[in-house]
Amino acid sequence: PGRATIEIAPKEMHLVADGLPQLPPKSVYEAWLGRADGSMVSVGTFTVDTAGHVDGRMALTVNPSDFSAVDVSVEPNDGDPTHSTRSVFHAAL
């Protein structure tokens, strides 16, 4: 099983996770902040190392207090800015 730690500051989100599988070529993980109404805003994309670990910092251009959840999804690296609905992690803030 994997684990994740997320710290959110006014201008940055710090994500540390282990146990994430390597993705096939042309796929990435994407971190999102979610609102109570279900809408989401992308925070950024990332990949994991060969051990399934990520330690990444992502700049926030939104007010984190406007959001109630964090989500990590698997996304095709195709330029489409919408959520794929393939969440691998979802938690309340």
PDB file of N, CA and C in Angstrom:
ATOM      1  N   PRO A   1       0.834  -1.201   0.000  1.00  0.00           N
ATOM      2  CA  PRO A   1       0.000   0.000   0.000  1.00  0.00           C
ATOM      3  C   PRO A   1       0.869   1.252   0.000  1.00  0.00           C
ATOM      4  N   GLY A   2       0.364   2.289  -0.615  1.00  0.00           N
ATOM      5  CA  GLY A   2       1.087   3.544  -0.679  1.00  0.00           C
ATOM      6  C   GLY A   2       0.691   4.476   0.446  1.00  0.00           C
ATOM      7  N   ARG A   3       1.427   5.572   0.513  1.00  0.00           N
ATOM      8  CA  ARG A   3       1.093   6.608   1.496  1.00  0.00           C
ATOM      9  C   ARG A   3       1.453   7.958   0.904  1.00  0.00           C
ATOM     10  N   ALA A   4       0.773   8.994   1.377  1.00  0.00           N
ATOM     11  CA  ALA A   4       1.029  10.333   0.875  1.00  0.00           C
ATOM     12  C   ALA A   4       0.916  11.343   2.011  1.00  0.00           C
ATOM     13  N   THR A   5       1.741  12.371   1.920  1.00  0.00           N
ATOM     14  CA  THR A   5       1.681  13.505   2.831  1.00  0.00           C
ATOM     15  C   THR A   5       1.585  14.756   1.972  1.00  0.00           C
ATOM     16  N   ILE A   6       0.635  15.600   2.306  1.00  0.00           N
ATOM     17  CA  ILE A   6       0.445  16.837   1.554  1.00  0.00           C
ATOM     18  C   ILE A   6       0.429  17.995   2.536  1.00  0.00           C
ATOM     19  N   GLU A   7       1.263  18.978   2.264  1.00  0.00           N
ATOM     20  CA  GLU A   7       1.280  20.202   3.049  1.00  0.00           C
ATOM     21  C   GLU A   7       0.905  21.343   2.110  1.00  0.00           C
ATOM     22  N   ILE A   8      -0.035  22.164   2.559  1.00  0.00           N
ATOM     23  CA  ILE A   8      -0.481  23.276   1.724  1.00  0.00           C
ATOM     24  C   ILE A   8      -0.201  24.579   2.456  1.00  0.00           C
ATOM     25  N   ALA A   9       0.535  25.438   1.785  1.00  0.00           N
ATOM     26  CA  ALA A   9       0.826  26.785   2.273  1.00  0.00           C
ATOM     27  C   ALA A   9       0.097  27.761   1.346  1.00  0.00           C
ATOM     28  N   PRO A  10       0.094  29.039   1.675  1.00  0.00           N
ATOM     29  CA  PRO A  10      -0.638  29.984   0.827  1.00  0.00           C
ATOM     30  C   PRO A  10      -0.221  29.983  -0.644  1.00  0.00           C
ATOM     31  N   LYS A  11       1.026  29.715  -0.953  1.00  0.00           N
ATOM     32  CA  LYS A  11       1.498  29.807  -2.341  1.00  0.00           C
ATOM     33  C   LYS A  11       2.069  28.501  -2.886  1.00  0.00           C
ATOM     34  N   GLU A  12       1.988  27.409  -2.104  1.00  0.00           N
ATOM     35  CA  GLU A  12       2.658  26.178  -2.528  1.00  0.00           C
ATOM     36  C   GLU A  12       2.018  24.937  -1.915  1.00  0.00           C
ATOM     37  N   MET A  13       2.004  23.873  -2.691  1.00  0.00           N
ATOM     38  CA  MET A  13       1.599  22.568  -2.187  1.00  0.00           C
ATOM     39  C   MET A  13       2.801  21.641  -2.267  1.00  0.00           C
ATOM     40  N   HIS A  14       3.104  20.949  -1.175  1.00  0.00           N
ATOM     41  CA  HIS A  14       4.219  20.011  -1.125  1.00  0.00           C
ATOM     42  C   HIS A  14       3.630  18.601  -1.000  1.00  0.00           C
ATOM     43  N   LEU A  15       3.932  17.763  -1.976  1.00  0.00           N
ATOM     44  CA  LEU A  15       3.402  16.400  -2.039  1.00  0.00           C
ATOM     45  C   LEU A  15       4.551  15.413  -1.927  1.00  0.00           C
ATOM     46  N   VAL A  16       4.463  14.518  -0.943  1.00  0.00           N
ATOM     47  CA  VAL A  16       5.412  13.422  -0.801  1.00  0.00           C
ATOM     48  C   VAL A  16       4.583  12.147  -0.799  1.00  0.00           C
ATOM     49  N   ALA A  17       4.892  11.225  -1.704  1.00  0.00           N
ATOM     50  CA  ALA A  17       4.121   9.980  -1.792  1.00  0.00           C
ATOM     51  C   ALA A  17       5.044   8.818  -2.131  1.00  0.00           C
ATOM     52  N   ASP A  18       4.666   7.655  -1.640  1.00  0.00           N
ATOM     53  CA  ASP A  18       5.368   6.400  -1.915  1.00  0.00           C
ATOM     54  C   ASP A  18       4.341   5.364  -2.358  1.00  0.00           C
ATOM     55  N   GLY A  19       4.806   4.393  -3.115  1.00  0.00           N
ATOM     56  CA  GLY A  19       3.948   3.279  -3.504  1.00  0.00           C
ATOM     57  C   GLY A  19       3.117   3.526  -4.743  1.00  0.00           C
ATOM     58  N   LEU A  20       3.405   4.588  -5.478  1.00  0.00           N
ATOM     59  CA  LEU A  20       2.676   4.835  -6.714  1.00  0.00           C
ATOM     60  C   LEU A  20       3.323   4.046  -7.847  1.00  0.00           C
ATOM     61  N   PRO A  21       2.537   3.365  -8.653  1.00  0.00           N
ATOM     62  CA  PRO A  21       3.131   2.590  -9.749  1.00  0.00           C
ATOM     63  C   PRO A  21       3.665   3.476 -10.868  1.00  0.00           C
ATOM     64  N   GLN A  22       4.669   2.969 -11.554  1.00  0.00           N
ATOM     65  CA  GLN A  22       5.150   3.635 -12.760  1.00  0.00           C
ATOM     66  C   GLN A  22       3.997   3.649 -13.764  1.00  0.00           C
ATOM     67  N   LEU A  23       3.885   4.726 -14.505  1.00  0.00           N
ATOM     68  CA  LEU A  23       2.820   4.838 -15.499  1.00  0.00           C
ATOM     69  C   LEU A  23       3.368   4.524 -16.886  1.00  0.00           C
ATOM     70  N   PRO A  24       2.490   4.107 -17.779  1.00  0.00           N
ATOM     71  CA  PRO A  24       2.946   3.871 -19.148  1.00  0.00           C
ATOM     72  C   PRO A  24       3.367   5.180 -19.808  1.00  0.00           C
ATOM     73  N   PRO A  25       4.151   5.083 -20.877  1.00  0.00           N
ATOM     74  CA  PRO A  25       4.527   6.302 -21.596  1.00  0.00           C
ATOM     75  C   PRO A  25       3.281   7.102 -21.984  1.00  0.00           C
ATOM     76  N   LYS A  26       3.431   8.405 -22.038  1.00  0.00           N
ATOM     77  CA  LYS A  26       2.353   9.329 -22.406  1.00  0.00           C
ATOM     78  C   LYS A  26       1.274   9.447 -21.334  1.00  0.00           C
ATOM     79  N   SER A  27       1.603   9.057 -20.079  1.00  0.00           N
ATOM     80  CA  SER A  27       0.692   9.253 -18.954  1.00  0.00           C
ATOM     81  C   SER A  27       1.458   9.942 -17.833  1.00  0.00           C
ATOM     82  N   VAL A  28       0.746  10.755 -17.055  1.00  0.00           N
ATOM     83  CA  VAL A  28       1.336  11.450 -15.913  1.00  0.00           C
ATOM     84  C   VAL A  28       0.339  11.438 -14.755  1.00  0.00           C
ATOM     85  N   TYR A  29       0.864  11.668 -13.564  1.00  0.00           N
ATOM     86  CA  TYR A  29       0.003  11.937 -12.418  1.00  0.00           C
ATOM     87  C   TYR A  29      -0.284  13.437 -12.408  1.00  0.00           C
ATOM     88  N   GLU A  30      -1.487  13.805 -11.948  1.00  0.00           N
ATOM     89  CA  GLU A  30      -1.837  15.215 -11.834  1.00  0.00           C
ATOM     90  C   GLU A  30      -2.478  15.455 -10.476  1.00  0.00           C
ATOM     91  N   ALA A  31      -2.031  16.506  -9.800  1.00  0.00           N
ATOM     92  CA  ALA A  31      -2.592  16.881  -8.502  1.00  0.00           C
ATOM     93  C   ALA A  31      -3.652  17.960  -8.716  1.00  0.00           C
ATOM     94  N   TRP A  32      -4.731  17.839  -7.959  1.00  0.00           N
ATOM     95  CA  TRP A  32      -5.870  18.758  -8.077  1.00  0.00           C
ATOM     96  C   TRP A  32      -6.305  19.221  -6.696  1.00  0.00           C
ATOM     97  N   LEU A  33      -6.872  20.417  -6.621  1.00  0.00           N
ATOM     98  CA  LEU A  33      -7.598  20.871  -5.443  1.00  0.00           C
ATOM     99  C   LEU A  33      -9.072  20.883  -5.808  1.00  0.00           C
ATOM    100  N   GLY A  34      -9.907  20.366  -4.902  1.00  0.00           N
ATOM    101  CA  GLY A  34     -11.336  20.266  -5.179  1.00  0.00           C
ATOM    102  C   GLY A  34     -12.172  21.138  -4.257  1.00  0.00           C
ATOM    103  N   ARG A  35     -13.218  21.693  -4.823  1.00  0.00           N
ATOM    104  CA  ARG A  35     -14.163  22.504  -4.064  1.00  0.00           C
ATOM    105  C   ARG A  35     -15.331  21.625  -3.581  1.00  0.00           C
ATOM    106  N   ALA A  36     -16.088  22.161  -2.651  1.00  0.00           N
ATOM    107  CA  ALA A  36     -17.245  21.445  -2.120  1.00  0.00           C
ATOM    108  C   ALA A  36     -18.268  21.131  -3.212  1.00  0.00           C
ATOM    109  N   ASP A  37     -18.347  21.954  -4.268  1.00  0.00           N
ATOM    110  CA  ASP A  37     -19.318  21.718  -5.337  1.00  0.00           C
ATOM    111  C   ASP A  37     -18.843  20.659  -6.346  1.00  0.00           C
ATOM    112  N   GLY A  38     -17.645  20.096  -6.120  1.00  0.00           N
ATOM    113  CA  GLY A  38     -17.131  19.055  -7.016  1.00  0.00           C
ATOM    114  C   GLY A  38     -16.193  19.561  -8.100  1.00  0.00           C
ATOM    115  N   SER A  39     -16.106  20.878  -8.299  1.00  0.00           N
ATOM    116  CA  SER A  39     -15.195  21.397  -9.310  1.00  0.00           C
ATOM    117  C   SER A  39     -13.754  21.285  -8.820  1.00  0.00           C
ATOM    118  N   MET A  40     -12.829  21.135  -9.769  1.00  0.00           N
ATOM    119  CA  MET A  40     -11.424  20.955  -9.423  1.00  0.00           C
ATOM    120  C   MET A  40     -10.543  21.889 -10.234  1.00  0.00           C
ATOM    121  N   VAL A  41      -9.396  22.225  -9.628  1.00  0.00           N
ATOM    122  CA  VAL A  41      -8.385  23.053 -10.268  1.00  0.00           C
ATOM    123  C   VAL A  41      -7.071  22.284 -10.238  1.00  0.00           C
ATOM    124  N   SER A  42      -6.428  22.171 -11.388  1.00  0.00           N
ATOM    125  CA  SER A  42      -5.149  21.476 -11.455  1.00  0.00           C
ATOM    126  C   SER A  42      -4.072  22.278 -10.746  1.00  0.00           C
ATOM    127  N   VAL A  43      -3.233  21.562  -9.995  1.00  0.00           N
ATOM    128  CA  VAL A  43      -2.095  22.173  -9.328  1.00  0.00           C
ATOM    129  C   VAL A  43      -0.822  21.890 -10.117  1.00  0.00           C
ATOM    130  N   GLY A  44      -0.785  20.750 -10.805  1.00  0.00           N
ATOM    131  CA  GLY A  44       0.384  20.413 -11.607  1.00  0.00           C
ATOM    132  C   GLY A  44       0.495  18.926 -11.850  1.00  0.00           C
ATOM    133  N   THR A  45       1.377  18.559 -12.770  1.00  0.00           N
ATOM    134  CA  THR A  45       1.611  17.163 -13.098  1.00  0.00           C
ATOM    135  C   THR A  45       2.959  16.721 -12.543  1.00  0.00           C
ATOM    136  N   PHE A  46       3.110  15.413 -12.379  1.00  0.00           N
ATOM    137  CA  PHE A  46       4.371  14.880 -11.887  1.00  0.00           C
ATOM    138  C   PHE A  46       4.505  13.419 -12.296  1.00  0.00           C
ATOM    139  N   THR A  47       5.725  12.934 -12.202  1.00  0.00           N
ATOM    140  CA  THR A  47       6.026  11.522 -12.401  1.00  0.00           C
ATOM    141  C   THR A  47       6.664  11.005 -11.121  1.00  0.00           C
ATOM    142  N   VAL A  48       6.818   9.700 -11.025  1.00  0.00           N
ATOM    143  CA  VAL A  48       7.456   9.091  -9.860  1.00  0.00           C
ATOM    144  C   VAL A  48       8.768   8.435 -10.285  1.00  0.00           C
ATOM    145  N   ASP A  49       9.654   8.219  -9.315  1.00  0.00           N
ATOM    146  CA  ASP A  49      10.903   7.538  -9.631  1.00  0.00           C
ATOM    147  C   ASP A  49      10.667   6.037  -9.719  1.00  0.00           C
ATOM    148  N   THR A  50      11.704   5.280  -9.972  1.00  0.00           N
ATOM    149  CA  THR A  50      11.553   3.825 -10.173  1.00  0.00           C
ATOM    150  C   THR A  50      11.041   3.109  -8.934  1.00  0.00           C
ATOM    151  N   ALA A  51      11.161   3.728  -7.771  1.00  0.00           N
ATOM    152  CA  ALA A  51      10.646   3.138  -6.530  1.00  0.00           C
ATOM    153  C   ALA A  51       9.209   3.574  -6.244  1.00  0.00           C
ATOM    154  N   GLY A  52       8.600   4.378  -7.124  1.00  0.00           N
ATOM    155  CA  GLY A  52       7.234   4.843  -6.912  1.00  0.00           C
ATOM    156  C   GLY A  52       7.135   6.013  -5.960  1.00  0.00           C
ATOM    157  N   HIS A  53       8.219   6.786  -5.830  1.00  0.00           N
ATOM    158  CA  HIS A  53       8.293   7.914  -4.895  1.00  0.00           C
ATOM    159  C   HIS A  53       8.257   9.248  -5.638  1.00  0.00           C
ATOM    160  N   VAL A  54       7.591  10.217  -5.024  1.00  0.00           N
ATOM    161  CA  VAL A  54       7.618  11.596  -5.509  1.00  0.00           C
ATOM    162  C   VAL A  54       7.777  12.517  -4.304  1.00  0.00           C
ATOM    163  N   ASP A  55       8.562  13.552  -4.472  1.00  0.00           N
ATOM    164  CA  ASP A  55       8.718  14.619  -3.485  1.00  0.00           C
ATOM    165  C   ASP A  55       8.699  15.910  -4.299  1.00  0.00           C
ATOM    166  N   GLY A  56       7.512  16.467  -4.455  1.00  0.00           N
ATOM    167  CA  GLY A  56       7.374  17.606  -5.350  1.00  0.00           C
ATOM    168  C   GLY A  56       6.704  18.804  -4.710  1.00  0.00           C
ATOM    169  N   ARG A  57       7.118  19.961  -5.165  1.00  0.00           N
ATOM    170  CA  ARG A  57       6.507  21.221  -4.746  1.00  0.00           C
ATOM    171  C   ARG A  57       5.846  21.852  -5.957  1.00  0.00           C
ATOM    172  N   MET A  58       4.603  22.279  -5.777  1.00  0.00           N
ATOM    173  CA  MET A  58       3.839  22.862  -6.869  1.00  0.00           C
ATOM    174  C   MET A  58       3.323  24.226  -6.449  1.00  0.00           C
ATOM    175  N   ALA A  59       3.539  25.206  -7.302  1.00  0.00           N
ATOM    176  CA  ALA A  59       3.083  26.567  -7.019  1.00  0.00           C
ATOM    177  C   ALA A  59       1.563  26.630  -7.053  1.00  0.00           C
ATOM    178  N   LEU A  60       0.993  27.363  -6.112  1.00  0.00           N
ATOM    179  CA  LEU A  60      -0.458  27.573  -6.084  1.00  0.00           C
ATOM    180  C   LEU A  60      -0.775  28.972  -6.583  1.00  0.00           C
ATOM    181  N   THR A  61      -1.680  29.051  -7.529  1.00  0.00           N
ATOM    182  CA  THR A  61      -2.133  30.340  -8.049  1.00  0.00           C
ATOM    183  C   THR A  61      -3.557  30.640  -7.586  1.00  0.00           C
ATOM    184  N   VAL A  62      -4.064  29.799  -6.675  1.00  0.00           N
ATOM    185  CA  VAL A  62      -5.412  29.957  -6.123  1.00  0.00           C
ATOM    186  C   VAL A  62      -5.297  30.025  -4.603  1.00  0.00           C
ATOM    187  N   ASN A  63      -6.361  30.467  -3.961  1.00  0.00           N
ATOM    188  CA  ASN A  63      -6.397  30.526  -2.503  1.00  0.00           C
ATOM    189  C   ASN A  63      -6.751  29.130  -1.975  1.00  0.00           C
ATOM    190  N   PRO A  64      -5.829  28.462  -1.287  1.00  0.00           N
ATOM    191  CA  PRO A  64      -6.119  27.099  -0.847  1.00  0.00           C
ATOM    192  C   PRO A  64      -7.295  26.994   0.117  1.00  0.00           C
ATOM    193  N   SER A  65      -7.635  28.069   0.799  1.00  0.00           N
ATOM    194  CA  SER A  65      -8.778  27.999   1.727  1.00  0.00           C
ATOM    195  C   SER A  65     -10.112  27.885   0.999  1.00  0.00           C
ATOM    196  N   ASP A  66     -10.121  28.072  -0.325  1.00  0.00           N
ATOM    197  CA  ASP A  66     -11.342  27.921  -1.115  1.00  0.00           C
ATOM    198  C   ASP A  66     -11.643  26.462  -1.456  1.00  0.00           C
ATOM    199  N   PHE A  67     -10.776  25.536  -1.029  1.00  0.00           N
ATOM    200  CA  PHE A  67     -10.879  24.142  -1.441  1.00  0.00           C
ATOM    201  C   PHE A  67     -11.028  23.225  -0.231  1.00  0.00           C
ATOM    202  N   SER A  68     -11.702  22.103  -0.457  1.00  0.00           N
ATOM    203  CA  SER A  68     -11.984  21.177   0.639  1.00  0.00           C
ATOM    204  C   SER A  68     -11.365  19.801   0.441  1.00  0.00           C
ATOM    205  N   ALA A  69     -10.715  19.566  -0.707  1.00  0.00           N
ATOM    206  CA  ALA A  69     -10.165  18.236  -0.965  1.00  0.00           C
ATOM    207  C   ALA A  69      -8.944  18.339  -1.868  1.00  0.00           C
ATOM    208  N   VAL A  70      -8.146  17.289  -1.832  1.00  0.00           N
ATOM    209  CA  VAL A  70      -7.022  17.139  -2.754  1.00  0.00           C
ATOM    210  C   VAL A  70      -7.203  15.806  -3.464  1.00  0.00           C
ATOM    211  N   ASP A  71      -6.818  15.755  -4.721  1.00  0.00           N
ATOM    212  CA  ASP A  71      -7.020  14.571  -5.545  1.00  0.00           C
ATOM    213  C   ASP A  71      -5.769  14.379  -6.406  1.00  0.00           C
ATOM    214  N   VAL A  72      -5.388  13.127  -6.614  1.00  0.00           N
ATOM    215  CA  VAL A  72      -4.318  12.793  -7.561  1.00  0.00           C
ATOM    216  C   VAL A  72      -4.915  11.831  -8.567  1.00  0.00           C
ATOM    217  N   SER A  73      -4.746  12.156  -9.837  1.00  0.00           N
ATOM    218  CA  SER A  73      -5.310  11.324 -10.899  1.00  0.00           C
ATOM    219  C   SER A  73      -4.232  10.892 -11.878  1.00  0.00           C
ATOM    220  N   VAL A  74      -4.563   9.889 -12.673  1.00  0.00           N
ATOM    221  CA  VAL A  74      -3.725   9.470 -13.795  1.00  0.00           C
ATOM    222  C   VAL A  74      -4.306  10.120 -15.033  1.00  0.00           C
ATOM    223  N   GLU A  75      -3.457  10.831 -15.763  1.00  0.00           N
ATOM    224  CA  GLU A  75      -3.911  11.594 -16.915  1.00  0.00           C
ATOM    225  C   GLU A  75      -3.112  11.236 -18.164  1.00  0.00           C
ATOM    226  N   PRO A  76      -3.773  11.177 -19.309  1.00  0.00           N
ATOM    227  CA  PRO A  76      -3.006  11.066 -20.547  1.00  0.00           C
ATOM    228  C   PRO A  76      -2.282  12.385 -20.781  1.00  0.00           C
ATOM    229  N   ASN A  77      -1.043  12.320 -21.192  1.00  0.00           N
ATOM    230  CA  ASN A  77      -0.263  13.534 -21.442  1.00  0.00           C
ATOM    231  C   ASN A  77      -0.592  14.043 -22.849  1.00  0.00           C
ATOM    232  N   ASP A  78      -1.846  14.539 -22.988  1.00  0.00           N
ATOM    233  CA  ASP A  78      -2.353  14.916 -24.313  1.00  0.00           C
ATOM    234  C   ASP A  78      -2.775  16.382 -24.418  1.00  0.00           C
ATOM    235  N   GLY A  79      -2.514  17.156 -23.374  1.00  0.00           N
ATOM    236  CA  GLY A  79      -2.869  18.567 -23.418  1.00  0.00           C
ATOM    237  C   GLY A  79      -4.304  18.872 -23.009  1.00  0.00           C
ATOM    238  N   ASP A  80      -5.133  17.856 -22.782  1.00  0.00           N
ATOM    239  CA  ASP A  80      -6.520  18.065 -22.358  1.00  0.00           C
ATOM    240  C   ASP A  80      -6.504  18.489 -20.886  1.00  0.00           C
ATOM    241  N   PRO A  81      -7.019  19.684 -20.552  1.00  0.00           N
ATOM    242  CA  PRO A  81      -6.926  20.185 -19.183  1.00  0.00           C
ATOM    243  C   PRO A  81      -7.967  19.636 -18.207  1.00  0.00           C
ATOM    244  N   THR A  82      -8.813  18.700 -18.630  1.00  0.00           N
ATOM    245  CA  THR A  82      -9.864  18.201 -17.744  1.00  0.00           C
ATOM    246  C   THR A  82      -9.420  16.944 -17.003  1.00  0.00           C
ATOM    247  N   HIS A  83     -10.052  16.701 -15.870  1.00  0.00           N
ATOM    248  CA  HIS A  83      -9.775  15.536 -15.030  1.00  0.00           C
ATOM    249  C   HIS A  83     -10.230  14.267 -15.750  1.00  0.00           C
ATOM    250  N   SER A  84      -9.388  13.258 -15.740  1.00  0.00           N
ATOM    251  CA  SER A  84      -9.699  12.007 -16.439  1.00  0.00           C
ATOM    252  C   SER A  84     -10.716  11.141 -15.697  1.00  0.00           C
ATOM    253  N   THR A  85     -10.986  11.431 -14.455  1.00  0.00           N
ATOM    254  CA  THR A  85     -11.817  10.644 -13.525  1.00  0.00           C
ATOM    255  C   THR A  85     -11.121   9.376 -13.049  1.00  0.00           C
ATOM    256  N   ARG A  86      -9.833   9.212 -13.319  1.00  0.00           N
ATOM    257  CA  ARG A  86      -9.061   8.060 -12.846  1.00  0.00           C
ATOM    258  C   ARG A  86      -8.256   8.454 -11.603  1.00  0.00           C
ATOM    259  N   SER A  87      -8.941   8.692 -10.494  1.00  0.00           N
ATOM    260  CA  SER A  87      -8.278   9.107  -9.259  1.00  0.00           C
ATOM    261  C   SER A  87      -7.577   7.923  -8.598  1.00  0.00           C
ATOM    262  N   VAL A  88      -6.361   8.193  -8.102  1.00  0.00           N
ATOM    263  CA  VAL A  88      -5.628   7.181  -7.334  1.00  0.00           C
ATOM    264  C   VAL A  88      -5.525   7.582  -5.871  1.00  0.00           C
ATOM    265  N   PHE A  89      -5.893   8.828  -5.581  1.00  0.00           N
ATOM    266  CA  PHE A  89      -5.850   9.326  -4.215  1.00  0.00           C
ATOM    267  C   PHE A  89      -6.831  10.482  -4.113  1.00  0.00           C
ATOM    268  N   HIS A  90      -7.619  10.495  -3.057  1.00  0.00           N
ATOM    269  CA  HIS A  90      -8.554  11.589  -2.819  1.00  0.00           C
ATOM    270  C   HIS A  90      -8.715  11.721  -1.304  1.00  0.00           C
ATOM    271  N   ALA A  91      -8.554  12.932  -0.792  1.00  0.00           N
ATOM    272  CA  ALA A  91      -8.680  13.137   0.663  1.00  0.00           C
ATOM    273  C   ALA A  91      -9.223  14.522   0.950  1.00  0.00           C
ATOM    274  N   ALA A  92      -9.923  14.623   2.060  1.00  0.00           N
ATOM    275  CA  ALA A  92     -10.415  15.917   2.524  1.00  0.00           C
ATOM    276  C   ALA A  92      -9.258  16.728   3.089  1.00  0.00           C
ATOM    277  N   LEU A  93      -9.355  18.036   2.928  1.00  0.00           N
ATOM    278  CA  LEU A  93      -8.350  18.930   3.514  1.00  0.00           C
ATOM    279  C   LEU A  93      -8.797  19.379   4.885  1.00  0.00           C
TER     280      LEU A  93
END
